[in-house]
Amino acid sequence: MRRALPLEAWLQELAAEQERPPSRPHRHIADVICENMQDVPPEIMAGMPEDGASQHDHYIYGWPKKEA
């Protein structure tokens, strides 16, 4: 027979039973992006817009470019 527990106590027991994934050191997002971008071929990088950050709405949604 199972014992009755308040919801909070049941959730705490359930959480304690779960296996936790091994922890990884925190990395700065810029390091993760740079690491991922290393595999992009040079010809693809050459075709990237230089104003991609300032004109992201144009490239993502097709909105008119903002004037500088």
N, C-alpha and C. Protein backbone atom coordinates (compact mmCIF):
# COMPACT_ATOMS: atom_id res chain seq x y z
N MET A 1 0.84 -1.18 0.00
CA MET A 1 0.00 0.00 0.00
C MET A 1 0.89 1.24 0.00
N ARG A 2 0.54 2.18 -0.81
CA ARG A 2 1.31 3.42 -0.91
C ARG A 2 0.82 4.42 0.12
N ARG A 3 1.73 5.22 0.60
CA ARG A 3 1.34 6.24 1.58
C ARG A 3 0.94 7.50 0.86
N ALA A 4 0.06 8.24 1.46
CA ALA A 4 -0.39 9.50 0.87
C ALA A 4 0.61 10.59 1.22
N LEU A 5 1.00 11.34 0.20
CA LEU A 5 1.95 12.44 0.41
C LEU A 5 1.34 13.73 -0.13
N PRO A 6 1.67 14.83 0.49
CA PRO A 6 1.29 16.10 -0.13
C PRO A 6 2.01 16.22 -1.47
N LEU A 7 1.44 16.96 -2.39
CA LEU A 7 1.99 17.08 -3.74
C LEU A 7 3.45 17.52 -3.72
N GLU A 8 3.77 18.52 -2.91
CA GLU A 8 5.14 19.02 -2.88
C GLU A 8 6.12 17.93 -2.43
N ALA A 9 5.78 17.16 -1.43
CA ALA A 9 6.65 16.09 -0.94
C ALA A 9 6.80 15.01 -2.00
N TRP A 10 5.72 14.67 -2.69
CA TRP A 10 5.78 13.67 -3.75
C TRP A 10 6.69 14.12 -4.88
N LEU A 11 6.59 15.40 -5.26
CA LEU A 11 7.44 15.92 -6.32
C LEU A 11 8.91 15.92 -5.90
N GLN A 12 9.18 16.23 -4.64
CA GLN A 12 10.56 16.20 -4.15
C GLN A 12 11.13 14.78 -4.19
N GLU A 13 10.34 13.80 -3.80
CA GLU A 13 10.78 12.40 -3.86
C GLU A 13 11.01 11.97 -5.30
N LEU A 14 10.11 12.37 -6.17
CA LEU A 14 10.24 12.02 -7.58
C LEU A 14 11.50 12.64 -8.18
N ALA A 15 11.77 13.88 -7.86
CA ALA A 15 12.97 14.55 -8.36
C ALA A 15 14.23 13.88 -7.82
N ALA A 16 14.21 13.45 -6.58
CA ALA A 16 15.38 12.80 -5.99
C ALA A 16 15.67 11.46 -6.66
N GLU A 17 14.64 10.80 -7.20
CA GLU A 17 14.82 9.50 -7.86
C GLU A 17 15.42 9.64 -9.26
N GLN A 18 15.27 10.79 -9.87
CA GLN A 18 15.72 10.99 -11.25
C GLN A 18 17.23 11.06 -11.31
N GLU A 19 17.78 10.45 -12.36
CA GLU A 19 19.22 10.55 -12.58
C GLU A 19 19.52 11.91 -13.17
N ARG A 20 20.56 12.53 -12.69
CA ARG A 20 20.96 13.84 -13.20
C ARG A 20 22.03 13.64 -14.27
N PRO A 21 21.93 14.37 -15.35
CA PRO A 21 22.98 14.27 -16.37
C PRO A 21 24.28 14.84 -15.82
N PRO A 22 25.40 14.35 -16.33
CA PRO A 22 26.67 14.90 -15.85
C PRO A 22 26.75 16.39 -16.15
N SER A 23 27.25 17.12 -15.20
CA SER A 23 27.31 18.57 -15.40
C SER A 23 28.47 18.93 -16.30
N ARG A 24 28.26 19.95 -17.12
CA ARG A 24 29.30 20.45 -18.01
C ARG A 24 29.67 21.85 -17.55
N PRO A 25 30.90 22.24 -17.78
CA PRO A 25 31.26 23.61 -17.40
C PRO A 25 30.51 24.61 -18.28
N HIS A 26 30.15 25.72 -17.69
CA HIS A 26 29.45 26.76 -18.44
C HIS A 26 30.43 27.43 -19.39
N ARG A 27 29.95 27.68 -20.62
CA ARG A 27 30.78 28.35 -21.62
C ARG A 27 30.05 29.60 -22.10
N HIS A 28 30.83 30.57 -22.49
CA HIS A 28 30.25 31.79 -23.02
C HIS A 28 29.64 31.47 -24.39
N ILE A 29 28.49 32.05 -24.68
CA ILE A 29 27.78 31.76 -25.92
C ILE A 29 28.63 32.11 -27.14
N ALA A 30 29.45 33.15 -27.05
CA ALA A 30 30.31 33.51 -28.18
C ALA A 30 31.30 32.39 -28.50
N ASP A 31 31.79 31.70 -27.47
CA ASP A 31 32.71 30.58 -27.70
C ASP A 31 32.00 29.43 -28.40
N VAL A 32 30.76 29.17 -28.01
CA VAL A 32 29.98 28.10 -28.64
C VAL A 32 29.72 28.43 -30.11
N ILE A 33 29.33 29.67 -30.38
CA ILE A 33 29.05 30.08 -31.76
C ILE A 33 30.31 29.99 -32.62
N CYS A 34 31.42 30.49 -32.12
CA CYS A 34 32.69 30.43 -32.88
C CYS A 34 33.08 28.98 -33.16
N GLU A 35 32.91 28.12 -32.19
CA GLU A 35 33.24 26.71 -32.38
C GLU A 35 32.36 26.09 -33.47
N ASN A 36 31.08 26.41 -33.45
CA ASN A 36 30.16 25.87 -34.46
C ASN A 36 30.43 26.44 -35.84
N MET A 37 30.88 27.67 -35.92
CA MET A 37 31.12 28.32 -37.20
C MET A 37 32.42 27.84 -37.87
N GLN A 38 33.28 27.15 -37.14
CA GLN A 38 34.54 26.68 -37.71
C GLN A 38 34.33 25.71 -38.87
N ASP A 39 33.21 25.01 -38.87
CA ASP A 39 32.95 24.01 -39.90
C ASP A 39 32.28 24.59 -41.14
N VAL A 40 31.94 25.87 -41.13
CA VAL A 40 31.29 26.49 -42.28
C VAL A 40 32.34 26.74 -43.34
N PRO A 41 32.10 26.25 -44.57
CA PRO A 41 33.10 26.44 -45.63
C PRO A 41 33.32 27.92 -45.95
N PRO A 42 34.55 28.27 -46.37
CA PRO A 42 34.87 29.67 -46.66
C PRO A 42 33.97 30.30 -47.72
N GLU A 43 33.56 29.51 -48.73
CA GLU A 43 32.70 30.08 -49.77
C GLU A 43 31.31 30.45 -49.23
N ILE A 44 30.86 29.74 -48.22
CA ILE A 44 29.57 30.09 -47.58
C ILE A 44 29.76 31.35 -46.75
N MET A 45 30.85 31.42 -45.99
CA MET A 45 31.12 32.60 -45.18
C MET A 45 31.26 33.85 -46.04
N ALA A 46 31.85 33.70 -47.22
CA ALA A 46 32.04 34.84 -48.12
C ALA A 46 30.70 35.39 -48.60
N GLY A 47 29.68 34.54 -48.65
CA GLY A 47 28.37 34.98 -49.11
C GLY A 47 27.48 35.55 -48.01
N MET A 48 27.96 35.55 -46.78
CA MET A 48 27.17 36.09 -45.67
C MET A 48 27.14 37.62 -45.76
N PRO A 49 25.98 38.22 -45.47
CA PRO A 49 25.90 39.69 -45.52
C PRO A 49 26.70 40.32 -44.38
N GLU A 50 27.35 41.42 -44.68
CA GLU A 50 28.15 42.11 -43.67
C GLU A 50 27.27 42.92 -42.72
N ASP A 51 26.06 43.25 -43.17
CA ASP A 51 25.15 44.02 -42.32
C ASP A 51 24.06 43.12 -41.71
N GLY A 52 24.37 41.85 -41.55
CA GLY A 52 23.38 40.88 -41.06
C GLY A 52 22.83 41.20 -39.68
N ALA A 53 23.67 41.74 -38.81
CA ALA A 53 23.20 42.04 -37.45
C ALA A 53 22.29 43.25 -37.45
N SER A 54 22.70 44.31 -38.15
CA SER A 54 21.92 45.54 -38.11
C SER A 54 20.66 45.45 -38.99
N GLN A 55 20.68 44.56 -39.96
CA GLN A 55 19.55 44.43 -40.89
C GLN A 55 18.88 43.06 -40.77
N HIS A 56 18.89 42.48 -39.57
CA HIS A 56 18.37 41.12 -39.41
C HIS A 56 16.90 40.99 -39.81
N ASP A 57 16.10 42.02 -39.57
CA ASP A 57 14.68 41.94 -39.97
C ASP A 57 14.55 41.80 -41.49
N HIS A 58 15.42 42.43 -42.23
CA HIS A 58 15.39 42.32 -43.69
C HIS A 58 15.70 40.88 -44.12
N TYR A 59 16.73 40.29 -43.52
CA TYR A 59 17.16 38.96 -43.93
C TYR A 59 16.26 37.85 -43.39
N ILE A 60 15.66 38.06 -42.25
CA ILE A 60 14.79 37.03 -41.67
C ILE A 60 13.36 37.13 -42.20
N TYR A 61 12.81 38.35 -42.19
CA TYR A 61 11.39 38.54 -42.51
C TYR A 61 11.15 39.17 -43.87
N GLY A 62 12.21 39.64 -44.53
CA GLY A 62 12.04 40.28 -45.83
C GLY A 62 11.56 41.73 -45.74
N TRP A 63 11.66 42.33 -44.56
CA TRP A 63 11.24 43.72 -44.40
C TRP A 63 12.24 44.62 -45.14
N PRO A 64 11.82 45.83 -45.47
CA PRO A 64 12.77 46.76 -46.12
C PRO A 64 13.96 47.02 -45.18
N LYS A 65 15.13 47.25 -45.79
CA LYS A 65 16.32 47.57 -44.98
C LYS A 65 16.13 48.91 -44.28
N LYS A 66 16.66 48.98 -43.07
CA LYS A 66 16.64 50.24 -42.31
C LYS A 66 17.71 51.16 -42.89
N GLU A 67 17.42 52.42 -42.88
CA GLU A 67 18.43 53.38 -43.34
C GLU A 67 19.42 53.63 -42.21
N ALA A 68 20.66 53.81 -42.60
CA ALA A 68 21.74 53.98 -41.60
C ALA A 68 21.67 55.31 -40.92
